Amino acid sequence: MKGTSVTAVLIGQETYDRDWVEYEIKKSWRDGNGIVGIRIHNLEDKSGYTDSRGKNPLSKIYIEENGQKKFFDDIFSTYRWKRDSGYDNLGDWVEEAAQIAGR
């Protein structure tokens, strides 16, 4: 993730419970990256199957400010790739996340 300014978290059925996902999100924040969540549960794999919607890992990660918890899903946006036209809007999502992070 060296040289990046935004980390895109692809959210499927099992993403929430993956330790490495949580680690990389926290590391990205420490490194000053913006973060954008992208739900991919409606995308078909090469066999035509789709995944079930999973929990958003940004909803369990937080920072503390003035003794209050601020969860990442309240700081950064999460989009649905298909419903929110990810192909057309990914650049805008990344730019928004970068601006939130001050980049």
N, C-alpha and C. Protein backbone atom coordinates (compact mmCIF):
# COMPACT_ATOMS: atom_id res chain seq x y z
N MET A 1 0.81 -1.18 0.00
CA MET A 1 0.00 0.00 0.00
C MET A 1 0.86 1.26 0.00
N LYS A 2 2.17 1.07 -0.17
CA LYS A 2 3.05 2.23 -0.25
C LYS A 2 2.69 3.08 -1.45
N GLY A 3 2.76 4.38 -1.26
CA GLY A 3 2.52 5.29 -2.35
C GLY A 3 1.06 5.52 -2.67
N THR A 4 0.16 5.07 -1.81
CA THR A 4 -1.26 5.27 -2.05
C THR A 4 -1.79 6.40 -1.17
N SER A 5 -2.90 6.99 -1.60
CA SER A 5 -3.53 8.03 -0.78
C SER A 5 -4.93 7.62 -0.32
N VAL A 6 -5.48 6.58 -0.95
CA VAL A 6 -6.80 6.08 -0.59
C VAL A 6 -6.77 4.56 -0.61
N THR A 7 -7.44 3.95 0.35
CA THR A 7 -7.59 2.50 0.40
C THR A 7 -9.05 2.16 0.12
N ALA A 8 -9.28 1.35 -0.90
CA ALA A 8 -10.63 0.87 -1.22
C ALA A 8 -10.83 -0.48 -0.53
N VAL A 9 -11.87 -0.57 0.28
CA VAL A 9 -12.20 -1.81 0.98
C VAL A 9 -13.37 -2.45 0.25
N LEU A 10 -13.10 -3.58 -0.41
CA LEU A 10 -14.15 -4.30 -1.13
C LEU A 10 -14.88 -5.18 -0.13
N ILE A 11 -16.17 -4.95 0.03
CA ILE A 11 -16.94 -5.57 1.10
C ILE A 11 -17.86 -6.65 0.54
N GLY A 12 -17.55 -7.89 0.92
CA GLY A 12 -18.38 -9.04 0.58
C GLY A 12 -18.88 -9.71 1.85
N GLN A 13 -19.36 -10.92 1.72
CA GLN A 13 -19.97 -11.63 2.84
C GLN A 13 -18.99 -11.88 3.99
N GLU A 14 -17.73 -12.14 3.70
CA GLU A 14 -16.77 -12.54 4.73
C GLU A 14 -15.76 -11.46 5.12
N THR A 15 -15.85 -10.31 4.52
CA THR A 15 -14.87 -9.25 4.75
C THR A 15 -14.80 -8.81 6.21
N TYR A 16 -15.94 -8.68 6.85
CA TYR A 16 -16.05 -8.16 8.22
C TYR A 16 -15.19 -8.93 9.21
N ASP A 17 -15.14 -10.25 9.05
CA ASP A 17 -14.46 -11.11 10.02
C ASP A 17 -12.99 -11.37 9.70
N ARG A 18 -12.46 -10.78 8.67
CA ARG A 18 -11.07 -11.02 8.29
C ARG A 18 -10.12 -10.12 9.07
N ASP A 19 -9.23 -10.74 9.84
CA ASP A 19 -8.28 -9.97 10.66
C ASP A 19 -7.40 -9.06 9.82
N TRP A 20 -6.96 -9.55 8.66
CA TRP A 20 -6.06 -8.75 7.83
C TRP A 20 -6.77 -7.53 7.25
N VAL A 21 -8.07 -7.65 7.02
CA VAL A 21 -8.82 -6.49 6.52
C VAL A 21 -8.80 -5.39 7.58
N GLU A 22 -9.11 -5.76 8.80
CA GLU A 22 -9.10 -4.77 9.89
C GLU A 22 -7.70 -4.17 10.06
N TYR A 23 -6.68 -5.01 10.00
CA TYR A 23 -5.30 -4.54 10.13
C TYR A 23 -4.98 -3.51 9.05
N GLU A 24 -5.32 -3.82 7.80
CA GLU A 24 -4.99 -2.92 6.68
C GLU A 24 -5.77 -1.62 6.75
N ILE A 25 -7.02 -1.67 7.21
CA ILE A 25 -7.80 -0.44 7.36
C ILE A 25 -7.14 0.45 8.41
N LYS A 26 -6.80 -0.12 9.55
CA LYS A 26 -6.16 0.65 10.62
C LYS A 26 -4.81 1.20 10.18
N LYS A 27 -4.04 0.38 9.48
CA LYS A 27 -2.73 0.83 8.99
C LYS A 27 -2.89 1.97 7.98
N SER A 28 -3.87 1.84 7.11
CA SER A 28 -4.14 2.89 6.13
C SER A 28 -4.45 4.21 6.83
N TRP A 29 -5.26 4.16 7.87
CA TRP A 29 -5.60 5.36 8.63
C TRP A 29 -4.35 5.97 9.26
N ARG A 30 -3.54 5.12 9.89
CA ARG A 30 -2.30 5.61 10.53
C ARG A 30 -1.36 6.25 9.50
N ASP A 31 -1.38 5.71 8.29
CA ASP A 31 -0.52 6.24 7.22
C ASP A 31 -1.10 7.49 6.56
N GLY A 32 -2.31 7.91 6.98
CA GLY A 32 -2.92 9.12 6.44
C GLY A 32 -3.79 8.91 5.22
N ASN A 33 -4.08 7.67 4.89
CA ASN A 33 -4.92 7.39 3.72
C ASN A 33 -6.39 7.67 3.99
N GLY A 34 -7.08 8.07 2.93
CA GLY A 34 -8.53 8.07 2.96
C GLY A 34 -9.00 6.64 2.75
N ILE A 35 -10.25 6.38 3.08
CA ILE A 35 -10.80 5.03 2.96
C ILE A 35 -12.17 5.13 2.31
N VAL A 36 -12.44 4.22 1.39
CA VAL A 36 -13.76 4.13 0.79
C VAL A 36 -14.20 2.67 0.82
N GLY A 37 -15.41 2.44 1.28
CA GLY A 37 -15.98 1.09 1.29
C GLY A 37 -16.78 0.87 0.02
N ILE A 38 -16.61 -0.31 -0.58
CA ILE A 38 -17.35 -0.64 -1.81
C ILE A 38 -17.97 -2.02 -1.65
N ARG A 39 -19.29 -2.05 -1.60
CA ARG A 39 -20.00 -3.33 -1.48
C ARG A 39 -20.04 -4.02 -2.84
N ILE A 40 -19.61 -5.28 -2.86
CA ILE A 40 -19.51 -6.01 -4.13
C ILE A 40 -20.39 -7.25 -4.15
N HIS A 41 -21.34 -7.36 -3.23
CA HIS A 41 -22.12 -8.59 -3.08
C HIS A 41 -23.00 -8.92 -4.29
N ASN A 42 -23.34 -7.98 -5.12
CA ASN A 42 -24.18 -8.27 -6.29
C ASN A 42 -23.40 -8.52 -7.56
N LEU A 43 -22.08 -8.51 -7.48
CA LEU A 43 -21.27 -8.77 -8.67
C LEU A 43 -21.17 -10.27 -8.92
N GLU A 44 -21.29 -10.66 -10.16
CA GLU A 44 -21.19 -12.08 -10.51
C GLU A 44 -19.73 -12.49 -10.67
N ASP A 45 -19.41 -13.70 -10.19
CA ASP A 45 -18.08 -14.25 -10.43
C ASP A 45 -18.06 -14.88 -11.82
N LYS A 46 -16.96 -15.53 -12.18
CA LYS A 46 -16.83 -16.08 -13.53
C LYS A 46 -17.84 -17.18 -13.82
N SER A 47 -18.43 -17.77 -12.77
CA SER A 47 -19.45 -18.81 -12.95
C SER A 47 -20.87 -18.25 -12.87
N GLY A 48 -20.98 -16.95 -12.67
CA GLY A 48 -22.29 -16.32 -12.62
C GLY A 48 -22.91 -16.24 -11.24
N TYR A 49 -22.17 -16.64 -10.22
CA TYR A 49 -22.69 -16.61 -8.85
C TYR A 49 -22.41 -15.25 -8.19
N THR A 50 -23.29 -14.88 -7.27
CA THR A 50 -23.09 -13.67 -6.49
C THR A 50 -22.94 -14.03 -5.02
N ASP A 51 -22.37 -13.12 -4.26
CA ASP A 51 -22.15 -13.30 -2.83
C ASP A 51 -23.30 -12.64 -2.07
N SER A 52 -23.50 -13.05 -0.83
CA SER A 52 -24.47 -12.40 0.04
C SER A 52 -23.87 -11.12 0.59
N ARG A 53 -24.74 -10.19 0.94
CA ARG A 53 -24.27 -8.95 1.55
C ARG A 53 -23.69 -9.25 2.92
N GLY A 54 -22.54 -8.67 3.20
CA GLY A 54 -21.90 -8.85 4.50
C GLY A 54 -21.90 -7.58 5.31
N LYS A 55 -21.47 -7.69 6.55
CA LYS A 55 -21.37 -6.52 7.42
C LYS A 55 -20.22 -5.63 6.95
N ASN A 56 -20.35 -4.36 7.22
CA ASN A 56 -19.35 -3.38 6.84
C ASN A 56 -18.24 -3.32 7.90
N PRO A 57 -17.00 -3.67 7.57
CA PRO A 57 -15.93 -3.62 8.57
C PRO A 57 -15.64 -2.21 9.07
N LEU A 58 -16.04 -1.20 8.32
CA LEU A 58 -15.83 0.17 8.78
C LEU A 58 -16.72 0.51 9.98
N SER A 59 -17.74 -0.32 10.22
CA SER A 59 -18.66 -0.07 11.34
C SER A 59 -18.11 -0.55 12.68
N LYS A 60 -17.00 -1.29 12.67
CA LYS A 60 -16.43 -1.75 13.94
C LYS A 60 -15.10 -1.09 14.29
N ILE A 61 -14.58 -0.30 13.39
CA ILE A 61 -13.29 0.35 13.61
C ILE A 61 -13.54 1.82 13.93
N TYR A 62 -12.87 2.32 14.94
CA TYR A 62 -13.11 3.69 15.35
C TYR A 62 -11.83 4.37 15.84
N ILE A 63 -11.93 5.68 15.92
CA ILE A 63 -10.91 6.49 16.58
C ILE A 63 -11.61 7.18 17.75
N GLU A 64 -10.82 7.64 18.70
CA GLU A 64 -11.40 8.39 19.81
C GLU A 64 -11.00 9.85 19.71
N GLU A 65 -12.00 10.72 19.81
CA GLU A 65 -11.78 12.17 19.81
C GLU A 65 -12.54 12.74 20.99
N ASN A 66 -11.84 13.43 21.86
CA ASN A 66 -12.47 14.04 23.03
C ASN A 66 -13.27 13.03 23.84
N GLY A 67 -12.74 11.83 23.97
CA GLY A 67 -13.41 10.79 24.75
C GLY A 67 -14.59 10.14 24.06
N GLN A 68 -14.83 10.48 22.81
CA GLN A 68 -15.95 9.92 22.05
C GLN A 68 -15.43 9.03 20.93
N LYS A 69 -16.13 7.93 20.69
CA LYS A 69 -15.78 7.04 19.58
C LYS A 69 -16.37 7.59 18.28
N LYS A 70 -15.53 7.67 17.25
CA LYS A 70 -15.99 8.01 15.90
C LYS A 70 -15.70 6.81 15.02
N PHE A 71 -16.77 6.15 14.60
CA PHE A 71 -16.62 4.96 13.78
C PHE A 71 -16.33 5.35 12.33
N PHE A 72 -15.51 4.52 11.69
CA PHE A 72 -15.08 4.83 10.33
C PHE A 72 -16.24 4.91 9.35
N ASP A 73 -17.32 4.16 9.59
CA ASP A 73 -18.45 4.24 8.66
C ASP A 73 -19.21 5.56 8.80
N ASP A 74 -18.92 6.32 9.87
CA ASP A 74 -19.48 7.67 10.01
C ASP A 74 -18.54 8.72 9.42
N ILE A 75 -17.29 8.35 9.22
CA ILE A 75 -16.30 9.28 8.67
C ILE A 75 -16.21 9.13 7.15
N PHE A 76 -16.13 7.88 6.69
CA PHE A 76 -15.93 7.59 5.27
C PHE A 76 -17.18 6.96 4.67
N SER A 77 -17.38 7.18 3.40
CA SER A 77 -18.56 6.66 2.70
C SER A 77 -18.37 5.21 2.26
N THR A 78 -19.49 4.52 2.17
CA THR A 78 -19.54 3.17 1.60
C THR A 78 -20.57 3.19 0.49
N TYR A 79 -20.20 2.61 -0.64
CA TYR A 79 -21.07 2.59 -1.82
C TYR A 79 -21.33 1.15 -2.24
N ARG A 80 -22.38 0.98 -3.02
CA ARG A 80 -22.67 -0.31 -3.65
C ARG A 80 -22.23 -0.19 -5.11
N TRP A 81 -21.35 -1.10 -5.52
CA TRP A 81 -20.77 -1.01 -6.86
C TRP A 81 -21.84 -0.93 -7.94
N LYS A 82 -22.80 -1.84 -7.91
CA LYS A 82 -23.81 -1.87 -8.98
C LYS A 82 -24.82 -0.74 -8.83
N ARG A 83 -25.44 -0.63 -7.67
CA ARG A 83 -26.51 0.36 -7.48
C ARG A 83 -26.00 1.79 -7.66
N ASP A 84 -24.78 2.04 -7.20
CA ASP A 84 -24.23 3.40 -7.24
C ASP A 84 -23.33 3.65 -8.44
N SER A 85 -23.42 2.78 -9.45
CA SER A 85 -22.68 2.94 -10.71
C SER A 85 -21.18 3.13 -10.48
N GLY A 86 -20.59 2.14 -9.83
CA GLY A 86 -19.18 2.20 -9.50
C GLY A 86 -18.26 2.43 -10.68
N TYR A 87 -18.60 1.82 -11.81
CA TYR A 87 -17.75 1.97 -12.99
C TYR A 87 -17.62 3.45 -13.38
N ASP A 88 -18.72 4.17 -13.24
CA ASP A 88 -18.73 5.59 -13.62
C ASP A 88 -18.28 6.52 -12.50
N ASN A 89 -18.39 6.08 -11.25
CA ASN A 89 -18.20 6.99 -10.12
C ASN A 89 -17.00 6.71 -9.23
N LEU A 90 -16.25 5.66 -9.51
CA LEU A 90 -15.13 5.30 -8.64
C LEU A 90 -14.16 6.46 -8.43
N GLY A 91 -13.85 7.18 -9.46
CA GLY A 91 -12.93 8.31 -9.34
C GLY A 91 -13.42 9.35 -8.35
N ASP A 92 -14.71 9.64 -8.39
CA ASP A 92 -15.29 10.61 -7.45
C ASP A 92 -15.25 10.09 -6.02
N TRP A 93 -15.50 8.78 -5.85
CA TRP A 93 -15.47 8.19 -4.50
C TRP A 93 -14.07 8.28 -3.92
N VAL A 94 -13.08 7.99 -4.74
CA VAL A 94 -11.68 8.05 -4.29
C VAL A 94 -11.30 9.48 -3.94
N GLU A 95 -11.70 10.41 -4.78
CA GLU A 95 -11.39 11.82 -4.52
C GLU A 95 -12.03 12.29 -3.21
N GLU A 96 -13.27 11.90 -2.97
CA GLU A 96 -13.95 12.27 -1.73
C GLU A 96 -13.19 11.72 -0.51
N ALA A 97 -12.79 10.46 -0.57
CA ALA A 97 -12.05 9.84 0.54
C ALA A 97 -10.72 10.55 0.78
N ALA A 98 -10.04 10.92 -0.30
CA ALA A 98 -8.77 11.63 -0.18
C ALA A 98 -8.97 12.99 0.49
N GLN A 99 -10.01 13.69 0.11
CA GLN A 99 -10.28 15.00 0.71
C GLN A 99 -10.60 14.89 2.19
N ILE A 100 -11.38 13.87 2.57
CA ILE A 100 -11.71 13.67 3.98
C ILE A 100 -10.43 13.45 4.79
N ALA A 101 -9.48 12.73 4.20
CA ALA A 101 -8.21 12.45 4.87
C ALA A 101 -7.23 13.63 4.79
N GLY A 102 -7.61 14.68 4.08
CA GLY A 102 -6.74 15.85 3.97
C GLY A 102 -5.64 15.69 2.95
N ARG A 103 -5.88 14.90 1.92
CA ARG A 103 -4.87 14.67 0.87
C ARG A 103 -5.23 15.41 -0.39
